[in-house]
Amino acid sequence: MSNLYWPIYKNLEKEVIRLSDLVHFDDKQMSVYSVKISELLIRCSVEIESISKDLYIANGGSVPSDRD
């Protein structure tokens, strides 16, 4: 079984590392805002949601039926 999420994770990880070269991750920087940071947060959240859904189904959760 191939892990479809691994390449996405690695790509997100590289982008966060690149970002850390520009913005020092520190509690004093909590007010720093960037479209790039918000994009990364959204993409991470979407991936967490996808993985959670797959894990739920893989562990016996019910698959929602399509409703018209």
PDB file of N, CA and C in Angstrom:
ATOM      1  N   MET A   1       0.839  -1.187   0.000  1.00  0.00           N
ATOM      2  CA  MET A   1       0.000   0.000   0.000  1.00  0.00           C
ATOM      3  C   MET A   1       0.882   1.248   0.000  1.00  0.00           C
ATOM      4  N   SER A   2       0.637   2.146  -0.906  1.00  0.00           N
ATOM      5  CA  SER A   2       1.430   3.372  -0.965  1.00  0.00           C
ATOM      6  C   SER A   2       0.778   4.449  -0.100  1.00  0.00           C
ATOM      7  N   ASN A   3       1.596   5.283   0.460  1.00  0.00           N
ATOM      8  CA  ASN A   3       1.107   6.376   1.285  1.00  0.00           C
ATOM      9  C   ASN A   3       1.007   7.630   0.419  1.00  0.00           C
ATOM     10  N   LEU A   4      -0.209   7.987   0.057  1.00  0.00           N
ATOM     11  CA  LEU A   4      -0.420   9.145  -0.814  1.00  0.00           C
ATOM     12  C   LEU A   4      -0.125  10.457  -0.104  1.00  0.00           C
ATOM     13  N   TYR A   5      -0.139  10.444   1.207  1.00  0.00           N
ATOM     14  CA  TYR A   5       0.044  11.681   1.965  1.00  0.00           C
ATOM     15  C   TYR A   5       1.511  12.040   2.188  1.00  0.00           C
ATOM     16  N   TRP A   6       2.394  11.075   2.081  1.00  0.00           N
ATOM     17  CA  TRP A   6       3.809  11.329   2.381  1.00  0.00           C
ATOM     18  C   TRP A   6       4.429  12.409   1.488  1.00  0.00           C
ATOM     19  N   PRO A   7       4.275  12.356   0.163  1.00  0.00           N
ATOM     20  CA  PRO A   7       4.876  13.416  -0.664  1.00  0.00           C
ATOM     21  C   PRO A   7       4.289  14.803  -0.361  1.00  0.00           C
ATOM     22  N   ILE A   8       3.020  14.845  -0.027  1.00  0.00           N
ATOM     23  CA  ILE A   8       2.392  16.129   0.315  1.00  0.00           C
ATOM     24  C   ILE A   8       2.987  16.651   1.617  1.00  0.00           C
ATOM     25  N   TYR A   9       3.127  15.753   2.586  1.00  0.00           N
ATOM     26  CA  TYR A   9       3.740  16.139   3.859  1.00  0.00           C
ATOM     27  C   TYR A   9       5.159  16.671   3.642  1.00  0.00           C
ATOM     28  N   LYS A  10       5.951  15.946   2.858  1.00  0.00           N
ATOM     29  CA  LYS A  10       7.338  16.367   2.620  1.00  0.00           C
ATOM     30  C   LYS A  10       7.392  17.743   1.953  1.00  0.00           C
ATOM     31  N   ASN A  11       6.480  17.990   1.033  1.00  0.00           N
ATOM     32  CA  ASN A  11       6.429  19.288   0.368  1.00  0.00           C
ATOM     33  C   ASN A  11       6.061  20.402   1.359  1.00  0.00           C
ATOM     34  N   LEU A  12       5.070  20.156   2.194  1.00  0.00           N
ATOM     35  CA  LEU A  12       4.697  21.144   3.211  1.00  0.00           C
ATOM     36  C   LEU A  12       5.848  21.384   4.183  1.00  0.00           C
ATOM     37  N   GLU A  13       6.528  20.313   4.552  1.00  0.00           N
ATOM     38  CA  GLU A  13       7.666  20.430   5.463  1.00  0.00           C
ATOM     39  C   GLU A  13       8.762  21.315   4.855  1.00  0.00           C
ATOM     40  N   LYS A  14       9.074  21.103   3.581  1.00  0.00           N
ATOM     41  CA  LYS A  14      10.087  21.930   2.907  1.00  0.00           C
ATOM     42  C   LYS A  14       9.692  23.402   2.899  1.00  0.00           C
ATOM     43  N   GLU A  15       8.406  23.662   2.659  1.00  0.00           N
ATOM     44  CA  GLU A  15       7.938  25.043   2.621  1.00  0.00           C
ATOM     45  C   GLU A  15       8.018  25.703   3.991  1.00  0.00           C
ATOM     46  N   VAL A  16       7.721  24.955   5.043  1.00  0.00           N
ATOM     47  CA  VAL A  16       7.820  25.511   6.398  1.00  0.00           C
ATOM     48  C   VAL A  16       9.285  25.773   6.750  1.00  0.00           C
ATOM     49  N   ILE A  17      10.168  24.899   6.349  1.00  0.00           N
ATOM     50  CA  ILE A  17      11.598  25.114   6.596  1.00  0.00           C
ATOM     51  C   ILE A  17      12.083  26.362   5.862  1.00  0.00           C
ATOM     52  N   ARG A  18      11.654  26.518   4.608  1.00  0.00           N
ATOM     53  CA  ARG A  18      12.018  27.732   3.868  1.00  0.00           C
ATOM     54  C   ARG A  18      11.480  28.974   4.566  1.00  0.00           C
ATOM     55  N   LEU A  19      10.262  28.890   5.061  1.00  0.00           N
ATOM     56  CA  LEU A  19       9.658  30.018   5.765  1.00  0.00           C
ATOM     57  C   LEU A  19      10.442  30.352   7.029  1.00  0.00           C
ATOM     58  N   SER A  20      10.947  29.329   7.715  1.00  0.00           N
ATOM     59  CA  SER A  20      11.706  29.563   8.947  1.00  0.00           C
ATOM     60  C   SER A  20      13.030  30.279   8.682  1.00  0.00           C
ATOM     61  N   ASP A  21      13.483  30.269   7.436  1.00  0.00           N
ATOM     62  CA  ASP A  21      14.671  31.054   7.079  1.00  0.00           C
ATOM     63  C   ASP A  21      14.348  32.542   7.033  1.00  0.00           C
ATOM     64  N   LEU A  22      13.078  32.865   6.823  1.00  0.00           N
ATOM     65  CA  LEU A  22      12.655  34.260   6.699  1.00  0.00           C
ATOM     66  C   LEU A  22      12.054  34.820   7.980  1.00  0.00           C
ATOM     67  N   VAL A  23      11.325  33.967   8.691  1.00  0.00           N
ATOM     68  CA  VAL A  23      10.659  34.397   9.921  1.00  0.00           C
ATOM     69  C   VAL A  23      11.100  33.469  11.040  1.00  0.00           C
ATOM     70  N   HIS A  24      11.702  34.048  12.061  1.00  0.00           N
ATOM     71  CA  HIS A  24      12.132  33.256  13.211  1.00  0.00           C
ATOM     72  C   HIS A  24      10.893  32.824  13.987  1.00  0.00           C
ATOM     73  N   PHE A  25      10.728  31.503  14.193  1.00  0.00           N
ATOM     74  CA  PHE A  25       9.567  30.997  14.916  1.00  0.00           C
ATOM     75  C   PHE A  25       9.779  31.218  16.408  1.00  0.00           C
ATOM     76  N   ASP A  26       9.037  32.159  16.932  1.00  0.00           N
ATOM     77  CA  ASP A  26       9.181  32.549  18.327  1.00  0.00           C
ATOM     78  C   ASP A  26       7.847  33.145  18.777  1.00  0.00           C
ATOM     79  N   ASP A  27       7.524  33.005  20.053  1.00  0.00           N
ATOM     80  CA  ASP A  27       6.275  33.569  20.561  1.00  0.00           C
ATOM     81  C   ASP A  27       6.192  35.075  20.344  1.00  0.00           C
ATOM     82  N   LYS A  28       7.329  35.742  20.267  1.00  0.00           N
ATOM     83  CA  LYS A  28       7.332  37.193  20.037  1.00  0.00           C
ATOM     84  C   LYS A  28       6.893  37.537  18.618  1.00  0.00           C
ATOM     85  N   GLN A  29       6.878  36.553  17.726  1.00  0.00           N
ATOM     86  CA  GLN A  29       6.504  36.776  16.327  1.00  0.00           C
ATOM     87  C   GLN A  29       5.040  36.405  16.043  1.00  0.00           C
ATOM     88  N   MET A  30       4.235  36.218  17.077  1.00  0.00           N
ATOM     89  CA  MET A  30       2.849  35.781  16.897  1.00  0.00           C
ATOM     90  C   MET A  30       2.017  36.779  16.097  1.00  0.00           C
ATOM     91  N   SER A  31       2.439  38.027  16.044  1.00  0.00           N
ATOM     92  CA  SER A  31       1.665  39.030  15.308  1.00  0.00           C
ATOM     93  C   SER A  31       2.068  39.122  13.835  1.00  0.00           C
ATOM     94  N   VAL A  32       3.076  38.368  13.430  1.00  0.00           N
ATOM     95  CA  VAL A  32       3.506  38.376  12.038  1.00  0.00           C
ATOM     96  C   VAL A  32       2.417  37.751  11.178  1.00  0.00           C
ATOM     97  N   TYR A  33       2.055  38.439  10.103  1.00  0.00           N
ATOM     98  CA  TYR A  33       1.031  37.925   9.200  1.00  0.00           C
ATOM     99  C   TYR A  33       1.596  37.861   7.791  1.00  0.00           C
ATOM    100  N   SER A  34       1.216  36.827   7.094  1.00  0.00           N
ATOM    101  CA  SER A  34       1.630  36.664   5.710  1.00  0.00           C
ATOM    102  C   SER A  34       0.607  35.781   5.011  1.00  0.00           C
ATOM    103  N   VAL A  35       0.338  36.079   3.757  1.00  0.00           N
ATOM    104  CA  VAL A  35      -0.548  35.234   2.971  1.00  0.00           C
ATOM    105  C   VAL A  35       0.057  33.837   2.858  1.00  0.00           C
ATOM    106  N   LYS A  36       1.364  33.751   2.760  1.00  0.00           N
ATOM    107  CA  LYS A  36       2.041  32.457   2.670  1.00  0.00           C
ATOM    108  C   LYS A  36       1.811  31.624   3.938  1.00  0.00           C
ATOM    109  N   ILE A  37       1.897  32.271   5.098  1.00  0.00           N
ATOM    110  CA  ILE A  37       1.664  31.557   6.356  1.00  0.00           C
ATOM    111  C   ILE A  37       0.226  31.065   6.419  1.00  0.00           C
ATOM    112  N   SER A  38      -0.717  31.923   6.054  1.00  0.00           N
ATOM    113  CA  SER A  38      -2.122  31.499   6.104  1.00  0.00           C
ATOM    114  C   SER A  38      -2.393  30.380   5.097  1.00  0.00           C
ATOM    115  N   GLU A  39      -1.770  30.438   3.925  1.00  0.00           N
ATOM    116  CA  GLU A  39      -1.921  29.370   2.931  1.00  0.00           C
ATOM    117  C   GLU A  39      -1.386  28.042   3.475  1.00  0.00           C
ATOM    118  N   LEU A  40      -0.229  28.081   4.108  1.00  0.00           N
ATOM    119  CA  LEU A  40       0.352  26.858   4.694  1.00  0.00           C
ATOM    120  C   LEU A  40      -0.550  26.288   5.787  1.00  0.00           C
ATOM    121  N   LEU A  41      -1.102  27.149   6.621  1.00  0.00           N
ATOM    122  CA  LEU A  41      -2.001  26.686   7.677  1.00  0.00           C
ATOM    123  C   LEU A  41      -3.250  26.022   7.093  1.00  0.00           C
ATOM    124  N   ILE A  42      -3.802  26.617   6.061  1.00  0.00           N
ATOM    125  CA  ILE A  42      -4.993  26.038   5.420  1.00  0.00           C
ATOM    126  C   ILE A  42      -4.648  24.699   4.784  1.00  0.00           C
ATOM    127  N   ARG A  43      -3.535  24.636   4.068  1.00  0.00           N
ATOM    128  CA  ARG A  43      -3.143  23.380   3.420  1.00  0.00           C
ATOM    129  C   ARG A  43      -2.879  22.280   4.449  1.00  0.00           C
ATOM    130  N   CYS A  44      -2.233  22.628   5.561  1.00  0.00           N
ATOM    131  CA  CYS A  44      -1.998  21.642   6.621  1.00  0.00           C
ATOM    132  C   CYS A  44      -3.328  21.152   7.194  1.00  0.00           C
ATOM    133  N   SER A  45      -4.248  22.067   7.413  1.00  0.00           N
ATOM    134  CA  SER A  45      -5.560  21.691   7.954  1.00  0.00           C
ATOM    135  C   SER A  45      -6.321  20.771   7.012  1.00  0.00           C
ATOM    136  N   VAL A  46      -6.250  21.052   5.719  1.00  0.00           N
ATOM    137  CA  VAL A  46      -6.924  20.209   4.731  1.00  0.00           C
ATOM    138  C   VAL A  46      -6.321  18.811   4.725  1.00  0.00           C
ATOM    139  N   GLU A  47      -5.000  18.713   4.819  1.00  0.00           N
ATOM    140  CA  GLU A  47      -4.348  17.403   4.840  1.00  0.00           C
ATOM    141  C   GLU A  47      -4.692  16.634   6.111  1.00  0.00           C
ATOM    142  N   ILE A  48      -4.729  17.317   7.245  1.00  0.00           N
ATOM    143  CA  ILE A  48      -5.109  16.662   8.501  1.00  0.00           C
ATOM    144  C   ILE A  48      -6.542  16.144   8.397  1.00  0.00           C
ATOM    145  N   GLU A  49      -7.420  16.922   7.814  1.00  0.00           N
ATOM    146  CA  GLU A  49      -8.811  16.490   7.636  1.00  0.00           C
ATOM    147  C   GLU A  49      -8.886  15.248   6.742  1.00  0.00           C
ATOM    148  N   SER A  50      -8.144  15.231   5.653  1.00  0.00           N
ATOM    149  CA  SER A  50      -8.156  14.083   4.738  1.00  0.00           C
ATOM    150  C   SER A  50      -7.621  12.826   5.407  1.00  0.00           C
ATOM    151  N   ILE A  51      -6.510  12.963   6.123  1.00  0.00           N
ATOM    152  CA  ILE A  51      -5.924  11.818   6.817  1.00  0.00           C
ATOM    153  C   ILE A  51      -6.882  11.313   7.892  1.00  0.00           C
ATOM    154  N   SER A  52      -7.490  12.232   8.634  1.00  0.00           N
ATOM    155  CA  SER A  52      -8.432  11.839   9.682  1.00  0.00           C
ATOM    156  C   SER A  52      -9.612  11.072   9.109  1.00  0.00           C
ATOM    157  N   LYS A  53     -10.129  11.536   7.987  1.00  0.00           N
ATOM    158  CA  LYS A  53     -11.262  10.862   7.345  1.00  0.00           C
ATOM    159  C   LYS A  53     -10.852   9.454   6.907  1.00  0.00           C
ATOM    160  N   ASP A  54      -9.689   9.320   6.287  1.00  0.00           N
ATOM    161  CA  ASP A  54      -9.218   8.003   5.845  1.00  0.00           C
ATOM    162  C   ASP A  54      -8.992   7.064   7.031  1.00  0.00           C
ATOM    163  N   LEU A  55      -8.413   7.586   8.116  1.00  0.00           N
ATOM    164  CA  LEU A  55      -8.194   6.764   9.306  1.00  0.00           C
ATOM    165  C   LEU A  55      -9.517   6.343   9.939  1.00  0.00           C
ATOM    166  N   TYR A  56     -10.476   7.235   9.961  1.00  0.00           N
ATOM    167  CA  TYR A  56     -11.804   6.922  10.501  1.00  0.00           C
ATOM    168  C   TYR A  56     -12.436   5.769   9.730  1.00  0.00           C
ATOM    169  N   ILE A  57     -12.400   5.858   8.415  1.00  0.00           N
ATOM    170  CA  ILE A  57     -12.984   4.808   7.573  1.00  0.00           C
ATOM    171  C   ILE A  57     -12.197   3.508   7.711  1.00  0.00           C
ATOM    172  N   ALA A  58     -10.859   3.605   7.744  1.00  0.00           N
ATOM    173  CA  ALA A  58     -10.008   2.413   7.858  1.00  0.00           C
ATOM    174  C   ALA A  58     -10.207   1.683   9.185  1.00  0.00           C
ATOM    175  N   ASN A  59     -10.657   2.409  10.210  1.00  0.00           N
ATOM    176  CA  ASN A  59     -10.857   1.802  11.526  1.00  0.00           C
ATOM    177  C   ASN A  59     -12.317   1.510  11.819  1.00  0.00           C
ATOM    178  N   GLY A  60     -13.107   1.326  10.759  1.00  0.00           N
ATOM    179  CA  GLY A  60     -14.483   0.883  10.945  1.00  0.00           C
ATOM    180  C   GLY A  60     -15.545   1.948  10.905  1.00  0.00           C
ATOM    181  N   GLY A  61     -15.175   3.168  10.629  1.00  0.00           N
ATOM    182  CA  GLY A  61     -16.170   4.233  10.530  1.00  0.00           C
ATOM    183  C   GLY A  61     -17.046   4.051   9.306  1.00  0.00           C
ATOM    184  N   SER A  62     -18.241   4.583   9.378  1.00  0.00           N
ATOM    185  CA  SER A  62     -19.155   4.432   8.261  1.00  0.00           C
ATOM    186  C   SER A  62     -18.836   5.435   7.158  1.00  0.00           C
ATOM    187  N   VAL A  63     -18.999   4.975   5.926  1.00  0.00           N
ATOM    188  CA  VAL A  63     -18.764   5.824   4.758  1.00  0.00           C
ATOM    189  C   VAL A  63     -20.087   6.518   4.450  1.00  0.00           C
ATOM    190  N   PRO A  64     -20.075   7.851   4.397  1.00  0.00           N
ATOM    191  CA  PRO A  64     -21.326   8.558   4.118  1.00  0.00           C
ATOM    192  C   PRO A  64     -21.821   8.240   2.710  1.00  0.00           C
ATOM    193  N   SER A  65     -23.120   8.056   2.600  1.00  0.00           N
ATOM    194  CA  SER A  65     -23.692   7.799   1.279  1.00  0.00           C
ATOM    195  C   SER A  65     -23.933   9.115   0.574  1.00  0.00           C
ATOM    196  N   ASP A  66     -23.840   9.098  -0.745  1.00  0.00           N
ATOM    197  CA  ASP A  66     -24.098  10.320  -1.530  1.00  0.00           C
ATOM    198  C   ASP A  66     -25.574  10.620  -1.511  1.00  0.00           C
ATOM    199  N   ARG A  67     -25.886  11.834  -1.173  1.00  0.00           N
ATOM    200  CA  ARG A  67     -27.306  12.253  -1.164  1.00  0.00           C
ATOM    201  C   ARG A  67     -27.504  13.268  -2.264  1.00  0.00           C
ATOM    202  N   ASP A  68     -28.592  13.122  -2.971  1.00  0.00           N
ATOM    203  CA  ASP A  68     -28.910  14.059  -4.069  1.00  0.00           C
ATOM    204  C   ASP A  68     -29.696  15.230  -3.571  1.00  0.00           C
TER     205      ASP A  68
END
